[in-house]
Amino acid sequence: MKSRYTVLILLAFATASQPALRSQESRLEPLPTPTDIVWKLGGEADSEQGRLAETRLQWRPSHRSMISAGYTYSTLTSTNTSGASTHIASVAGEYAFGAFGAFGLGGGYTHVAESDLLKSNAFSLKPFFESGAWRLELSGSYRSTQFDRFGFTNVPIQGPLATLYVSGSAQLDLTSKGIGGSIDYLGETWHAYASYDTYSYGEFAGETSVAAIREANGSVSSRTFAALAGRMATRLQRSAGSAATRKAGLLENSALVGLDINLRPFLLGLELGRDQDHLTQTTSTSYTGIVSLDTSRRTTLELRGGTTNSDKLGTIRFIGLNLTVRSIPKGIFN
């Protein structure tokens, strides 16, 4: 009987001495069986008839590694082209080389297809360092964008000596490189984060039937592209101002800061974001409020809403709802 009590006391002590576990699925402590699957499904709508639906599946085969895949579909029914839609497919992963204070490396691939506008492929690498509640991440990316062939008729182009009126067609490509970084603090109650990314673009390459609009090196300038492809430039401007399609935009720079407070089972948060589009120079500032509720230990509902103030499109209001489902109950492994 005495040995039985001794075993019970040892089991109780081992259970009580386990370290406190993080409350969010994005970071897991090294446990014997930390494998977790998280599925997210959400949608968003804005006051300018932008609509978005997205889903993402995240799998952690171990406490050091993560693999995810996502898909986003959005529409802009108020554009000049009826039924304009955007498809975004992405895969990402990361691996940490240590347990508690860990260096790691992440990366991903994203494919974007905007109907009657462009297709692009982007690759990214993201080295990071985690220590306790802190995470510091750097990022580098490369994106290749191919625009659909477009035609133009009697478009005025300002030449070195006179204004030219040109007609023809063109199919152009554009490449960009991005660098950035983020910092994240995830405590038991407070979560604060900030990120900034900036992008540099080359000249338009490809071919056009009008030799007079090419630069000396054979490329096409951004200003000439905007003049030739007025409808396409309008689409790009509209995309840059909508929360539903900004992910597909050709950004000059992007900044985000946010703060959450976990009140269990509620989470309240605020986000402030600012983006500038490369081709149209549209600047958009977004203010987002977040209310999240753990409806069970496996499911969370999140309501997001706010406004985007664009210098060329005015104020756009948006609202979204997301559902998160976990394979492992929250509070046990995540």
Protein backbone atom coordinates (compact mmCIF):
# COMPACT_ATOMS: atom_id res chain seq x y z
CA MET A 1 0.00 0.00 0.00
CA LYS A 2 2.84 2.38 0.82
CA SER A 3 4.44 1.82 -2.61
CA ARG A 4 1.10 2.62 -4.28
CA TYR A 5 0.89 5.98 -2.48
CA THR A 6 4.51 6.68 -3.42
CA VAL A 7 3.73 6.13 -7.13
CA LEU A 8 0.67 8.40 -6.93
CA ILE A 9 2.67 11.17 -5.25
CA LEU A 10 5.40 10.94 -7.91
CA LEU A 11 2.83 11.12 -10.73
CA ALA A 12 1.14 14.14 -9.17
CA PHE A 13 4.47 15.91 -8.76
CA ALA A 14 5.46 15.23 -12.38
CA THR A 15 2.16 16.60 -13.65
CA ALA A 16 2.35 19.76 -11.53
CA SER A 17 5.92 20.48 -12.58
CA GLN A 18 5.16 20.67 -16.34
CA PRO A 19 5.96 24.10 -17.84
CA ALA A 20 3.08 26.44 -18.78
CA LEU A 21 1.98 25.86 -22.38
CA ARG A 22 1.48 28.58 -24.97
CA SER A 23 -2.11 29.45 -25.84
CA GLN A 24 -1.69 29.89 -29.60
CA GLU A 25 -1.09 27.19 -32.21
CA SER A 26 1.69 29.13 -33.97
CA ARG A 27 4.31 28.08 -31.36
CA LEU A 28 4.56 24.72 -29.61
CA GLU A 29 6.79 23.63 -26.76
CA PRO A 30 8.79 20.42 -27.33
CA LEU A 31 6.50 17.63 -26.09
CA PRO A 32 6.62 13.86 -26.65
CA THR A 33 3.73 14.01 -29.18
CA PRO A 34 3.33 17.62 -30.38
CA THR A 35 1.83 16.72 -33.78
CA ASP A 36 -1.04 19.13 -34.47
CA ILE A 37 -3.27 20.00 -37.44
CA VAL A 38 -4.98 23.39 -37.62
CA TRP A 39 -7.58 24.26 -40.26
CA LYS A 40 -8.71 27.83 -40.87
CA LEU A 41 -11.65 28.93 -43.00
CA GLY A 42 -12.76 32.53 -43.46
CA GLY A 43 -14.40 35.17 -45.59
CA GLU A 44 -14.42 38.94 -45.97
CA ALA A 45 -16.52 41.59 -47.72
CA ASP A 46 -16.06 45.33 -48.21
CA SER A 47 -18.26 48.29 -49.04
CA GLU A 48 -16.94 48.50 -52.62
CA GLN A 49 -18.22 45.02 -53.53
CA GLY A 50 -14.97 43.23 -52.84
CA ARG A 51 -15.47 39.64 -51.67
CA LEU A 52 -12.94 37.13 -50.34
CA ALA A 53 -12.92 33.48 -49.22
CA GLU A 54 -9.83 31.69 -47.97
CA THR A 55 -8.73 28.47 -46.32
CA ARG A 56 -5.45 27.28 -44.83
CA LEU A 57 -4.28 23.95 -43.43
CA GLN A 58 -1.31 23.86 -41.07
CA TRP A 59 0.45 20.70 -39.91
CA ARG A 60 3.16 20.38 -37.29
CA PRO A 61 4.76 16.95 -37.67
CA SER A 62 7.08 17.83 -34.77
CA HIS A 63 7.69 20.67 -32.35
CA ARG A 64 10.51 21.92 -34.63
CA SER A 65 8.74 21.87 -37.99
CA MET A 66 5.63 23.29 -39.65
CA ILE A 67 4.07 22.85 -43.10
CA SER A 68 1.08 24.80 -44.40
CA ALA A 69 -0.92 25.27 -47.59
CA GLY A 70 -3.55 27.88 -48.39
CA TYR A 71 -5.93 29.08 -51.07
CA THR A 72 -7.65 32.47 -51.46
CA TYR A 73 -10.36 33.50 -53.92
CA SER A 74 -11.57 37.08 -54.23
CA THR A 75 -13.69 39.16 -56.59
CA LEU A 76 -14.01 42.85 -57.39
CA THR A 77 -17.41 43.23 -59.01
CA SER A 78 -17.21 47.03 -59.15
CA THR A 79 -14.23 47.07 -61.53
CA ASN A 80 -14.54 48.02 -65.19
CA THR A 81 -14.24 44.34 -66.10
CA SER A 82 -17.21 42.32 -64.87
CA GLY A 83 -16.38 39.19 -62.94
CA ALA A 84 -12.77 40.19 -62.19
CA SER A 85 -11.36 37.58 -59.84
CA THR A 86 -8.11 36.73 -58.06
CA HIS A 87 -6.79 33.28 -57.13
CA ILE A 88 -3.89 32.87 -54.70
CA ALA A 89 -2.36 29.46 -53.89
CA SER A 90 0.54 29.13 -51.47
CA VAL A 91 2.65 26.61 -49.59
CA ALA A 92 5.06 27.36 -46.75
CA GLY A 93 7.16 25.64 -44.14
CA GLU A 94 9.76 26.18 -41.45
CA TYR A 95 12.20 24.22 -39.36
CA ALA A 96 13.81 25.23 -36.05
CA PHE A 97 17.30 23.92 -35.29
CA GLY A 98 17.03 24.27 -31.49
CA ALA A 99 14.46 23.58 -28.83
CA PHE A 100 13.82 26.66 -26.66
CA GLY A 101 16.11 29.40 -27.99
CA ALA A 102 15.97 28.39 -31.62
CA PHE A 103 17.40 29.53 -34.90
CA GLY A 104 15.33 28.38 -37.82
CA LEU A 105 14.59 28.80 -41.49
CA GLY A 106 11.26 29.21 -43.23
CA GLY A 107 10.25 29.67 -46.82
CA GLY A 108 7.37 29.50 -49.23
CA TYR A 109 5.95 29.71 -52.73
CA THR A 110 2.91 31.77 -53.84
CA HIS A 111 1.11 31.73 -57.18
CA VAL A 112 -1.25 34.59 -58.07
CA ALA A 113 -3.63 34.67 -61.04
CA GLU A 114 -5.80 37.74 -61.65
CA SER A 115 -8.31 37.30 -64.47
CA ASP A 116 -7.53 39.34 -67.62
CA LEU A 117 -4.65 41.02 -65.82
CA LEU A 118 -1.61 39.03 -64.66
CA LYS A 119 -0.05 35.85 -63.34
CA SER A 120 2.88 35.77 -60.93
CA ASN A 121 5.12 33.39 -59.01
CA ALA A 122 6.88 34.40 -55.81
CA PHE A 123 9.50 32.62 -53.67
CA SER A 124 10.57 33.63 -50.17
CA LEU A 125 13.13 32.70 -47.50
CA LYS A 126 12.66 33.66 -43.84
CA PRO A 127 15.39 32.98 -41.28
CA PHE A 128 14.22 33.51 -37.70
CA PHE A 129 15.29 33.38 -34.07
CA GLU A 130 13.05 32.51 -31.11
CA SER A 131 13.84 32.99 -27.44
CA GLY A 132 11.12 32.65 -24.84
CA ALA A 133 8.22 34.89 -25.78
CA TRP A 134 10.16 36.70 -28.53
CA ARG A 135 10.54 35.93 -32.21
CA LEU A 136 12.63 37.92 -34.70
CA GLU A 137 12.28 37.15 -38.40
CA LEU A 138 13.96 38.44 -41.56
CA SER A 139 12.57 37.88 -45.05
CA GLY A 140 13.74 37.96 -48.64
CA SER A 141 11.59 37.34 -51.71
CA TYR A 142 11.66 37.21 -55.50
CA ARG A 143 8.56 37.66 -57.67
CA SER A 144 8.11 37.27 -61.43
CA THR A 145 4.93 38.79 -62.90
CA GLN A 146 3.63 38.31 -66.44
CA PHE A 147 0.85 40.60 -67.65
CA ASP A 148 -1.78 39.36 -70.08
CA ARG A 149 -1.49 40.75 -73.61
CA PHE A 150 -3.37 44.02 -73.94
CA GLY A 151 -4.16 46.33 -76.82
CA PHE A 152 -4.18 50.13 -77.08
CA THR A 153 -5.51 52.63 -79.64
CA ASN A 154 -4.45 56.25 -80.17
CA VAL A 155 -2.90 56.51 -76.72
CA PRO A 156 -0.95 59.77 -76.15
CA ILE A 157 2.63 59.13 -75.03
CA GLN A 158 4.87 62.07 -74.20
CA GLY A 159 8.09 61.70 -76.22
CA PRO A 160 11.33 63.69 -75.89
CA LEU A 161 10.26 66.13 -78.62
CA ALA A 162 6.49 65.75 -79.04
CA THR A 163 3.44 63.77 -77.97
CA LEU A 164 3.02 60.48 -79.84
CA TYR A 165 -0.32 58.82 -80.47
CA VAL A 166 0.27 55.08 -80.65
CA SER A 167 -1.81 51.97 -81.37
CA GLY A 168 -0.80 48.35 -81.04
CA SER A 169 -0.43 45.62 -78.43
CA ALA A 170 2.04 44.48 -75.77
CA GLN A 171 2.79 41.62 -73.43
CA LEU A 172 5.12 42.63 -70.63
CA ASP A 173 6.89 41.03 -67.67
CA LEU A 174 8.04 42.59 -64.40
CA THR A 175 10.34 41.23 -61.70
CA SER A 176 10.74 42.43 -58.12
CA LYS A 177 12.80 41.68 -55.03
CA GLY A 178 11.69 42.22 -51.47
CA ILE A 179 13.38 42.45 -48.10
CA GLY A 180 11.82 42.92 -44.70
CA GLY A 181 11.55 41.83 -41.13
CA SER A 182 9.19 41.33 -38.23
CA ILE A 183 9.29 41.20 -34.45
CA ASP A 184 6.78 39.33 -32.31
CA TYR A 185 6.13 39.09 -28.57
CA LEU A 186 3.71 36.38 -27.43
CA GLY A 187 3.12 36.42 -23.69
CA GLU A 188 0.45 34.71 -21.63
CA THR A 189 -1.84 37.75 -21.87
CA TRP A 190 -0.31 40.21 -24.33
CA HIS A 191 0.66 39.68 -27.95
CA ALA A 192 2.43 42.50 -29.81
CA TYR A 193 3.85 42.37 -33.32
CA ALA A 194 5.21 44.59 -36.08
CA SER A 195 6.53 44.02 -39.60
CA TYR A 196 7.85 46.01 -42.55
CA ASP A 197 8.62 44.97 -46.14
CA THR A 198 9.98 46.98 -49.05
CA TYR A 199 10.25 45.99 -52.71
CA SER A 200 12.41 47.03 -55.66
CA TYR A 201 11.31 46.58 -59.29
CA GLY A 202 13.13 46.21 -62.56
CA GLU A 203 11.96 47.68 -65.86
CA PHE A 204 9.16 46.10 -67.87
CA ALA A 205 10.46 43.42 -70.24
CA GLY A 206 8.65 41.52 -72.96
CA GLU A 207 7.53 42.69 -76.38
CA THR A 208 5.41 45.42 -77.92
CA SER A 209 4.39 46.11 -81.51
CA VAL A 210 5.32 49.81 -81.21
CA ALA A 211 9.08 50.41 -81.19
CA ALA A 212 8.66 54.15 -80.51
CA ILE A 213 7.49 53.60 -76.91
CA ARG A 214 10.55 51.58 -75.85
CA GLU A 215 13.34 53.06 -73.77
CA ALA A 216 16.91 53.21 -75.06
CA ASN A 217 17.64 49.80 -73.51
CA GLY A 218 14.51 48.28 -75.09
CA SER A 219 12.43 48.27 -71.89
CA VAL A 220 9.11 49.99 -71.16
CA SER A 221 8.82 52.48 -68.29
CA SER A 222 6.16 52.29 -65.56
CA ARG A 223 4.72 55.61 -66.74
CA THR A 224 4.36 54.33 -70.31
CA PHE A 225 2.74 51.13 -69.05
CA ALA A 226 0.18 53.11 -67.03
CA ALA A 227 -0.66 55.22 -70.09
CA LEU A 228 -1.00 52.23 -72.41
CA ALA A 229 -2.95 49.98 -70.07
CA GLY A 230 -5.38 52.40 -68.49
CA ARG A 231 -7.98 49.74 -67.65
CA MET A 232 -5.32 47.45 -66.19
CA ALA A 233 -3.86 50.29 -64.12
CA THR A 234 -7.38 50.99 -62.79
CA ARG A 235 -7.65 47.33 -61.78
CA LEU A 236 -4.30 47.50 -59.99
CA GLN A 237 -5.34 50.67 -58.17
CA ARG A 238 -8.63 49.12 -57.11
CA SER A 239 -6.86 45.97 -55.92
CA ALA A 240 -4.41 48.01 -53.85
CA GLY A 241 -7.27 49.76 -52.04
CA SER A 242 -9.31 46.67 -51.18
CA ALA A 243 -8.56 44.51 -48.18
CA ALA A 244 -9.93 41.58 -50.20
CA THR A 245 -7.25 41.71 -52.90
CA ARG A 246 -4.28 43.61 -51.44
CA LYS A 247 -2.36 40.35 -50.98
CA ALA A 248 -2.03 40.09 -54.76
CA GLY A 249 -0.93 43.68 -55.27
CA LEU A 250 2.41 44.89 -56.59
CA LEU A 251 3.44 46.77 -53.46
CA GLU A 252 6.18 49.36 -53.04
CA ASN A 253 6.22 48.89 -49.28
CA SER A 254 4.01 47.45 -46.54
CA ALA A 255 3.94 48.00 -42.77
CA LEU A 256 1.84 46.42 -40.01
CA VAL A 257 1.63 46.78 -36.21
CA GLY A 258 -0.79 44.99 -33.91
CA LEU A 259 -1.65 44.34 -30.28
CA ASP A 260 -3.82 41.58 -28.74
CA ILE A 261 -5.01 40.98 -25.19
CA ASN A 262 -6.15 37.50 -24.19
CA LEU A 263 -9.05 37.65 -21.73
CA ARG A 264 -9.97 33.93 -22.02
CA PRO A 265 -12.14 32.84 -23.66
CA PHE A 266 -12.16 36.19 -25.50
CA LEU A 267 -9.28 37.82 -27.33
CA LEU A 268 -9.39 41.50 -28.33
CA GLY A 269 -7.01 43.03 -30.83
CA LEU A 270 -6.17 46.09 -32.90
CA GLU A 271 -4.13 46.32 -36.13
CA LEU A 272 -2.80 49.25 -38.10
CA GLY A 273 -1.47 48.67 -41.63
CA ARG A 274 -0.12 50.89 -44.38
CA ASP A 275 0.59 49.87 -47.99
CA GLN A 276 1.80 51.71 -51.09
CA ASP A 277 1.26 50.29 -54.58
CA HIS A 278 4.22 50.42 -56.98
CA LEU A 279 2.53 51.14 -60.32
CA THR A 280 -0.32 53.43 -59.25
CA GLN A 281 1.37 54.91 -56.14
CA THR A 282 -1.91 54.38 -54.26
CA THR A 283 -1.40 54.64 -50.49
CA SER A 284 -3.84 52.79 -48.23
CA THR A 285 -4.06 52.88 -44.44
CA SER A 286 -6.12 50.20 -42.69
CA TYR A 287 -7.54 50.12 -39.16
CA THR A 288 -8.76 46.70 -37.98
CA GLY A 289 -10.52 45.58 -34.81
CA ILE A 290 -10.48 41.90 -33.83
CA VAL A 291 -12.76 39.95 -31.47
CA SER A 292 -11.96 36.25 -31.04
CA LEU A 293 -13.90 33.66 -29.00
CA ASP A 294 -12.88 30.11 -28.08
CA THR A 295 -16.20 28.36 -28.66
CA SER A 296 -14.62 25.10 -27.47
CA ARG A 297 -11.14 23.73 -26.78
CA ARG A 298 -10.91 22.77 -30.46
CA THR A 299 -12.64 25.69 -32.21
CA THR A 300 -12.26 29.48 -32.31
CA LEU A 301 -14.41 32.09 -34.04
CA GLU A 302 -12.83 35.43 -35.03
CA LEU A 303 -14.65 38.56 -36.18
CA ARG A 304 -12.61 41.24 -37.96
CA GLY A 305 -13.80 44.65 -39.12
CA GLY A 306 -12.49 48.07 -39.94
CA THR A 307 -11.79 50.67 -42.60
CA THR A 308 -9.23 51.24 -45.32
CA ASN A 309 -8.52 54.88 -46.17
CA SER A 310 -7.08 55.25 -49.67
CA ASP A 311 -5.77 58.51 -51.09
CA LYS A 312 -7.34 57.67 -54.48
CA LEU A 313 -10.37 55.53 -53.57
CA GLY A 314 -11.62 57.16 -50.37
CA THR A 315 -12.82 55.10 -47.39
CA ILE A 316 -13.61 51.41 -47.79
CA ARG A 317 -15.27 49.52 -44.91
CA PHE A 318 -14.74 45.78 -44.49
CA ILE A 319 -15.83 42.92 -42.23
CA GLY A 320 -14.72 39.30 -42.02
CA LEU A 321 -15.36 36.08 -40.09
CA ASN A 322 -12.88 33.21 -39.54
CA LEU A 323 -13.23 29.74 -38.03
CA THR A 324 -10.25 27.79 -36.64
CA VAL A 325 -10.47 24.05 -35.91
CA ARG A 326 -7.68 22.12 -34.13
CA SER A 327 -6.98 18.40 -34.06
CA ILE A 328 -5.70 18.68 -30.48
CA PRO A 329 -7.73 20.57 -27.83
CA LYS A 330 -6.43 24.03 -27.06
CA GLY A 331 -4.56 24.20 -23.76
CA ILE A 332 -3.07 20.70 -24.06
CA PHE A 333 -0.49 21.02 -26.85
CA ASN A 334 -1.20 24.56 -28.16
